[in-house]
Amino acid sequence: FTMRFSSTPRGARLARRLSEHCLDAWGVPY
């Protein structure tokens, strides 16, 4: 997974949320 995010607290939150989703989809459950 690769993505650019705005360098803001909101961008950091979105990056964390998408990382969580990717991990679950890749077999590392929530």
All heavy atoms as atom14 arrays in JSON, in Angstrom:
{
  "sequence": "FTMRFSSTPRGARLARRLSEHCLDAWGVPY",
  "atom14_mask": [
    [1, 1, 1, 1, 1, 1, 1, 1, 1, 1, 1, 0, 0, 0],
    [1, 1, 1, 1, 1, 1, 1, 0, 0, 0, 0, 0, 0, 0],
    [1, 1, 1, 1, 1, 1, 1, 1, 0, 0, 0, 0, 0, 0],
    [1, 1, 1, 1, 1, 1, 1, 1, 1, 1, 1, 0, 0, 0],
    [1, 1, 1, 1, 1, 1, 1, 1, 1, 1, 1, 0, 0, 0],
    [1, 1, 1, 1, 1, 1, 0, 0, 0, 0, 0, 0, 0, 0],
    [1, 1, 1, 1, 1, 1, 0, 0, 0, 0, 0, 0, 0, 0],
    [1, 1, 1, 1, 1, 1, 1, 0, 0, 0, 0, 0, 0, 0],
    [1, 1, 1, 1, 1, 1, 1, 0, 0, 0, 0, 0, 0, 0],
    [1, 1, 1, 1, 1, 1, 1, 1, 1, 1, 1, 0, 0, 0],
    [1, 1, 1, 1, 0, 0, 0, 0, 0, 0, 0, 0, 0, 0],
    [1, 1, 1, 1, 1, 0, 0, 0, 0, 0, 0, 0, 0, 0],
    [1, 1, 1, 1, 1, 1, 1, 1, 1, 1, 1, 0, 0, 0],
    [1, 1, 1, 1, 1, 1, 1, 1, 0, 0, 0, 0, 0, 0],
    [1, 1, 1, 1, 1, 0, 0, 0, 0, 0, 0, 0, 0, 0],
    [1, 1, 1, 1, 1, 1, 1, 1, 1, 1, 1, 0, 0, 0],
    [1, 1, 1, 1, 1, 1, 1, 1, 1, 1, 1, 0, 0, 0],
    [1, 1, 1, 1, 1, 1, 1, 1, 0, 0, 0, 0, 0, 0],
    [1, 1, 1, 1, 1, 1, 0, 0, 0, 0, 0, 0, 0, 0],
    [1, 1, 1, 1, 1, 1, 1, 1, 1, 0, 0, 0, 0, 0],
    [1, 1, 1, 1, 1, 1, 1, 1, 1, 1, 0, 0, 0, 0],
    [1, 1, 1, 1, 1, 1, 0, 0, 0, 0, 0, 0, 0, 0],
    [1, 1, 1, 1, 1, 1, 1, 1, 0, 0, 0, 0, 0, 0],
    [1, 1, 1, 1, 1, 1, 1, 1, 0, 0, 0, 0, 0, 0],
    [1, 1, 1, 1, 1, 0, 0, 0, 0, 0, 0, 0, 0, 0],
    [1, 1, 1, 1, 1, 1, 1, 1, 1, 1, 1, 1, 1, 1],
    [1, 1, 1, 1, 0, 0, 0, 0, 0, 0, 0, 0, 0, 0],
    [1, 1, 1, 1, 1, 1, 1, 0, 0, 0, 0, 0, 0, 0],
    [1, 1, 1, 1, 1, 1, 1, 0, 0, 0, 0, 0, 0, 0],
    [1, 1, 1, 1, 1, 1, 1, 1, 1, 1, 1, 1, 0, 0]
  ],
  "atom14_positions": [
    [[0.87, -1.18, 0.0], [0.0, 0.0, 0.0], [0.9, 1.22, 0.0], [1.83, 1.31, 0.8], [-0.88, 0.01, 1.25], [-1.58, 1.31, 1.5], [-2.7, 1.67, 0.78], [-1.11, 2.19, 2.46], [-3.34, 2.87, 1.01], [-1.74, 3.39, 2.7], [-2.87, 3.74, 1.97], [0.0, 0.0, 0.0], [0.0, 0.0, 0.0], [0.0, 0.0, 0.0]],
    [[0.65, 2.17, -0.91], [1.41, 3.42, -0.97], [0.44, 4.55, -1.24], [-0.4, 4.44, -2.14], [2.47, 3.39, -2.08], [3.33, 2.27, -1.88], [3.3, 4.66, -2.08], [0.0, 0.0, 0.0], [0.0, 0.0, 0.0], [0.0, 0.0, 0.0], [0.0, 0.0, 0.0], [0.0, 0.0, 0.0], [0.0, 0.0, 0.0], [0.0, 0.0, 0.0]],
    [[0.56, 5.62, -0.45], [-0.31, 6.78, -0.66], [0.32, 8.01, -0.04], [1.01, 7.92, 0.98], [-1.67, 6.52, -0.04], [-2.72, 7.53, -0.38], [-4.33, 6.94, 0.2], [-5.37, 7.85, -0.9], [0.0, 0.0, 0.0], [0.0, 0.0, 0.0], [0.0, 0.0, 0.0], [0.0, 0.0, 0.0], [0.0, 0.0, 0.0], [0.0, 0.0, 0.0]],
    [[0.07, 9.16, -0.65], [0.5, 10.45, -0.09], [-0.66, 11.05, 0.69], [-1.82, 10.9, 0.32], [0.91, 11.4, -1.19], [2.22, 11.01, -1.8], [2.69, 12.06, -2.75], [3.97, 11.63, -3.28], [4.67, 12.33, -4.11], [4.23, 13.51, -4.51], [5.83, 11.89, -4.54], [0.0, 0.0, 0.0], [0.0, 0.0, 0.0], [0.0, 0.0, 0.0]],
    [[-0.29, 11.76, 1.75], [-1.28, 12.39, 2.63], [-0.86, 13.83, 2.9], [0.33, 14.14, 2.91], [-1.37, 11.64, 3.96], [-1.83, 10.22, 3.82], [-0.91, 9.2, 3.64], [-3.18, 9.92, 3.84], [-1.33, 7.89, 3.5], [-3.61, 8.6, 3.69], [-2.69, 7.59, 3.52], [0.0, 0.0, 0.0], [0.0, 0.0, 0.0], [0.0, 0.0, 0.0]],
    [[-1.85, 14.67, 3.15], [-1.54, 16.06, 3.52], [-0.8, 16.04, 4.85], [-1.08, 15.24, 5.73], [-2.81, 16.9, 3.62], [-3.64, 16.41, 4.65], [0.0, 0.0, 0.0], [0.0, 0.0, 0.0], [0.0, 0.0, 0.0], [0.0, 0.0, 0.0], [0.0, 0.0, 0.0], [0.0, 0.0, 0.0], [0.0, 0.0, 0.0], [0.0, 0.0, 0.0]],
    [[0.15, 16.91, 4.98], [0.99, 16.95, 6.18], [0.26, 17.73, 7.29], [0.69, 18.8, 7.72], [2.34, 17.59, 5.84], [3.24, 17.42, 6.9], [0.0, 0.0, 0.0], [0.0, 0.0, 0.0], [0.0, 0.0, 0.0], [0.0, 0.0, 0.0], [0.0, 0.0, 0.0], [0.0, 0.0, 0.0], [0.0, 0.0, 0.0], [0.0, 0.0, 0.0]],
    [[-0.85, 17.15, 7.71], [-1.71, 17.74, 8.75], [-2.13, 16.64, 9.71], [-2.02, 15.45, 9.38], [-2.99, 18.33, 8.11], [-3.74, 17.26, 7.5], [-2.67, 19.4, 7.07], [0.0, 0.0, 0.0], [0.0, 0.0, 0.0], [0.0, 0.0, 0.0], [0.0, 0.0, 0.0], [0.0, 0.0, 0.0], [0.0, 0.0, 0.0], [0.0, 0.0, 0.0]],
    [[-2.63, 17.0, 10.89], [-3.15, 15.96, 11.78], [-4.24, 15.12, 11.12], [-4.31, 13.91, 11.33], [-3.7, 16.76, 12.97], [-2.85, 17.99, 13.0], [-2.6, 18.32, 11.55], [0.0, 0.0, 0.0], [0.0, 0.0, 0.0], [0.0, 0.0, 0.0], [0.0, 0.0, 0.0], [0.0, 0.0, 0.0], [0.0, 0.0, 0.0], [0.0, 0.0, 0.0]],
    [[-5.06, 15.74, 10.3], [-6.1, 14.98, 9.6], [-5.49, 13.96, 8.64], [-5.96, 12.83, 8.51], [-7.01, 15.95, 8.85], [-8.17, 15.28, 8.19], [-9.08, 16.28, 7.54], [-10.25, 15.6, 7.03], [-11.19, 16.2, 6.35], [-11.11, 17.5, 6.11], [-12.21, 15.52, 5.9], [0.0, 0.0, 0.0], [0.0, 0.0, 0.0], [0.0, 0.0, 0.0]],
    [[-4.42, 14.37, 7.93], [-3.73, 13.44, 7.05], [-3.13, 12.26, 7.81], [-3.19, 11.12, 7.35], [0.0, 0.0, 0.0], [0.0, 0.0, 0.0], [0.0, 0.0, 0.0], [0.0, 0.0, 0.0], [0.0, 0.0, 0.0], [0.0, 0.0, 0.0], [0.0, 0.0, 0.0], [0.0, 0.0, 0.0], [0.0, 0.0, 0.0], [0.0, 0.0, 0.0]],
    [[-2.56, 12.53, 8.99], [-1.99, 11.45, 9.82], [-3.09, 10.49, 10.28], [-2.89, 9.27, 10.29], [-1.25, 12.05, 11.01], [0.0, 0.0, 0.0], [0.0, 0.0, 0.0], [0.0, 0.0, 0.0], [0.0, 0.0, 0.0], [0.0, 0.0, 0.0], [0.0, 0.0, 0.0], [0.0, 0.0, 0.0], [0.0, 0.0, 0.0], [0.0, 0.0, 0.0]],
    [[-4.25, 11.02, 10.67], [-5.37, 10.17, 11.09], [-5.84, 9.29, 9.94], [-6.09, 8.09, 10.12], [-6.54, 11.02, 11.58], [-6.51, 11.33, 13.04], [-7.83, 11.91, 13.55], [-8.4, 12.96, 12.72], [-8.07, 14.24, 12.8], [-7.17, 14.65, 13.67], [-8.65, 15.12, 12.0], [0.0, 0.0, 0.0], [0.0, 0.0, 0.0], [0.0, 0.0, 0.0]],
    [[-5.97, 9.88, 8.75], [-6.41, 9.1, 7.59], [-5.39, 8.01, 7.26], [-5.76, 6.87, 6.97], [-6.61, 10.01, 6.39], [-7.06, 9.33, 5.1], [-8.36, 8.56, 5.3], [-7.2, 10.36, 3.98], [0.0, 0.0, 0.0], [0.0, 0.0, 0.0], [0.0, 0.0, 0.0], [0.0, 0.0, 0.0], [0.0, 0.0, 0.0], [0.0, 0.0, 0.0]],
    [[-4.11, 8.32, 7.34], [-3.07, 7.32, 7.09], [-3.18, 6.16, 8.07], [-3.07, 4.99, 7.69], [-1.68, 7.97, 7.17], [0.0, 0.0, 0.0], [0.0, 0.0, 0.0], [0.0, 0.0, 0.0], [0.0, 0.0, 0.0], [0.0, 0.0, 0.0], [0.0, 0.0, 0.0], [0.0, 0.0, 0.0], [0.0, 0.0, 0.0], [0.0, 0.0, 0.0]],
    [[-3.42, 6.48, 9.34], [-3.58, 5.42, 10.35], [-4.79, 4.56, 10.04], [-4.73, 3.32, 10.08], [-3.7, 6.01, 11.75], [-3.9, 4.94, 12.82], [-4.0, 5.52, 14.22], [-5.0, 6.55, 14.36], [-6.3, 6.32, 14.6], [-6.74, 5.09, 14.71], [-7.13, 7.33, 14.73], [0.0, 0.0, 0.0], [0.0, 0.0, 0.0], [0.0, 0.0, 0.0]],
    [[-5.91, 5.18, 9.71], [-7.14, 4.42, 9.41], [-6.96, 3.51, 8.2], [-7.38, 2.35, 8.23], [-8.3, 5.37, 9.15], [-8.66, 6.23, 10.3], [-9.75, 5.63, 11.09], [-10.18, 6.62, 12.08], [-10.71, 6.3, 13.21], [-10.89, 5.05, 13.51], [-11.07, 7.23, 14.05], [0.0, 0.0, 0.0], [0.0, 0.0, 0.0], [0.0, 0.0, 0.0]],
    [[-6.33, 4.01, 7.16], [-6.11, 3.18, 5.98], [-5.11, 2.06, 6.27], [-5.25, 0.95, 5.75], [-5.65, 4.03, 4.8], [-6.75, 4.93, 4.2], [-6.16, 5.86, 3.15], [-7.87, 4.1, 3.61], [0.0, 0.0, 0.0], [0.0, 0.0, 0.0], [0.0, 0.0, 0.0], [0.0, 0.0, 0.0], [0.0, 0.0, 0.0], [0.0, 0.0, 0.0]],
    [[-4.13, 2.33, 7.12], [-3.18, 1.29, 7.53], [-3.91, 0.18, 8.28], [-3.67, -1.01, 8.04], [-2.08, 1.87, 8.42], [-1.33, 2.82, 7.7], [0.0, 0.0, 0.0], [0.0, 0.0, 0.0], [0.0, 0.0, 0.0], [0.0, 0.0, 0.0], [0.0, 0.0, 0.0], [0.0, 0.0, 0.0], [0.0, 0.0, 0.0], [0.0, 0.0, 0.0]],
    [[-4.82, 0.56, 9.17], [-5.62, -0.43, 9.91], [-6.41, -1.31, 8.94], [-6.44, -2.54, 9.08], [-6.6, 0.26, 10.86], [-5.97, 0.92, 12.03], [-6.99, 1.67, 12.88], [-7.9, 2.32, 12.31], [-6.88, 1.61, 14.11], [0.0, 0.0, 0.0], [0.0, 0.0, 0.0], [0.0, 0.0, 0.0], [0.0, 0.0, 0.0], [0.0, 0.0, 0.0]],
    [[-7.05, -0.67, 7.99], [-7.86, -1.41, 7.02], [-7.0, -2.37, 6.2], [-7.38, -3.53, 5.99], [-8.59, -0.43, 6.1], [-9.34, -1.11, 5.01], [-10.51, -1.81, 5.22], [-9.06, -1.23, 3.68], [-10.93, -2.32, 4.08], [-10.07, -1.98, 3.13], [0.0, 0.0, 0.0], [0.0, 0.0, 0.0], [0.0, 0.0, 0.0], [0.0, 0.0, 0.0]],
    [[-5.85, -1.89, 5.72], [-4.96, -2.75, 4.93], [-4.52, -3.97, 5.73], [-4.55, -5.09, 5.22], [-3.73, -1.97, 4.47], [-4.07, -0.8, 3.15], [0.0, 0.0, 0.0], [0.0, 0.0, 0.0], [0.0, 0.0, 0.0], [0.0, 0.0, 0.0], [0.0, 0.0, 0.0], [0.0, 0.0, 0.0], [0.0, 0.0, 0.0], [0.0, 0.0, 0.0]],
    [[-4.11, -3.75, 6.97], [-3.67, -4.87, 7.79], [-4.75, -5.94, 7.92], [-4.49, -7.13, 7.77], [-3.25, -4.38, 9.18], [-1.96, -3.59, 9.24], [-1.8, -2.94, 10.61], [-0.77, -4.49, 8.93], [0.0, 0.0, 0.0], [0.0, 0.0, 0.0], [0.0, 0.0, 0.0], [0.0, 0.0, 0.0], [0.0, 0.0, 0.0], [0.0, 0.0, 0.0]],
    [[-5.98, -5.5, 8.18], [-7.08, -6.46, 8.3], [-7.29, -7.21, 6.99], [-7.44, -8.43, 6.98], [-8.36, -5.73, 8.73], [-9.5, -6.69, 8.98], [-9.38, -7.53, 9.9], [-10.51, -6.61, 8.25], [0.0, 0.0, 0.0], [0.0, 0.0, 0.0], [0.0, 0.0, 0.0], [0.0, 0.0, 0.0], [0.0, 0.0, 0.0], [0.0, 0.0, 0.0]],
    [[-7.26, -6.48, 5.87], [-7.45, -7.11, 4.56], [-6.32, -8.08, 4.23], [-6.53, -9.05, 3.49], [-7.56, -6.04, 3.48], [0.0, 0.0, 0.0], [0.0, 0.0, 0.0], [0.0, 0.0, 0.0], [0.0, 0.0, 0.0], [0.0, 0.0, 0.0], [0.0, 0.0, 0.0], [0.0, 0.0, 0.0], [0.0, 0.0, 0.0], [0.0, 0.0, 0.0]],
    [[-5.14, -7.84, 4.79], [-3.98, -8.68, 4.52], [-3.83, -9.84, 5.5], [-2.82, -10.54, 5.52], [-2.7, -7.85, 4.56], [-2.61, -6.8, 3.51], [-3.34, -6.69, 2.36], [-1.74, -5.67, 3.52], [-2.97, -5.57, 1.66], [-1.99, -4.92, 2.35], [-0.77, -5.21, 4.41], [-1.3, -3.75, 2.04], [-0.1, -4.04, 4.11], [-0.36, -3.33, 2.93]],
    [[-4.8, -10.04, 6.36], [-4.77, -11.19, 7.27], [-4.23, -10.91, 8.65], [-3.93, -11.83, 9.41], [0.0, 0.0, 0.0], [0.0, 0.0, 0.0], [0.0, 0.0, 0.0], [0.0, 0.0, 0.0], [0.0, 0.0, 0.0], [0.0, 0.0, 0.0], [0.0, 0.0, 0.0], [0.0, 0.0, 0.0], [0.0, 0.0, 0.0], [0.0, 0.0, 0.0]],
    [[-4.12, -9.66, 9.02], [-3.74, -9.27, 10.39], [-5.0, -8.62, 10.98], [-5.21, -7.42, 10.81], [-2.54, -8.3, 10.41], [-2.13, -7.98, 11.84], [-1.36, -8.86, 9.63], [0.0, 0.0, 0.0], [0.0, 0.0, 0.0], [0.0, 0.0, 0.0], [0.0, 0.0, 0.0], [0.0, 0.0, 0.0], [0.0, 0.0, 0.0], [0.0, 0.0, 0.0]],
    [[-5.85, -9.42, 11.63], [-7.18, -8.94, 12.0], [-7.19, -7.82, 13.04], [-6.29, -7.7, 13.87], [-7.88, -10.18, 12.56], [-6.81, -11.16, 12.85], [-5.62, -10.8, 12.01], [0.0, 0.0, 0.0], [0.0, 0.0, 0.0], [0.0, 0.0, 0.0], [0.0, 0.0, 0.0], [0.0, 0.0, 0.0], [0.0, 0.0, 0.0], [0.0, 0.0, 0.0]],
    [[-8.26, -7.0, 12.97], [-8.42, -5.85, 13.84], [-8.22, -6.16, 15.33], [-7.65, -5.37, 16.05], [-9.82, -5.24, 13.68], [-9.97, -4.36, 12.47], [-10.75, -4.76, 11.39], [-9.36, -3.11, 12.41], [-10.91, -3.94, 10.27], [-9.5, -2.29, 11.31], [-10.28, -2.71, 10.25], [-10.43, -1.89, 9.16], [0.0, 0.0, 0.0], [0.0, 0.0, 0.0]]
  ]
}
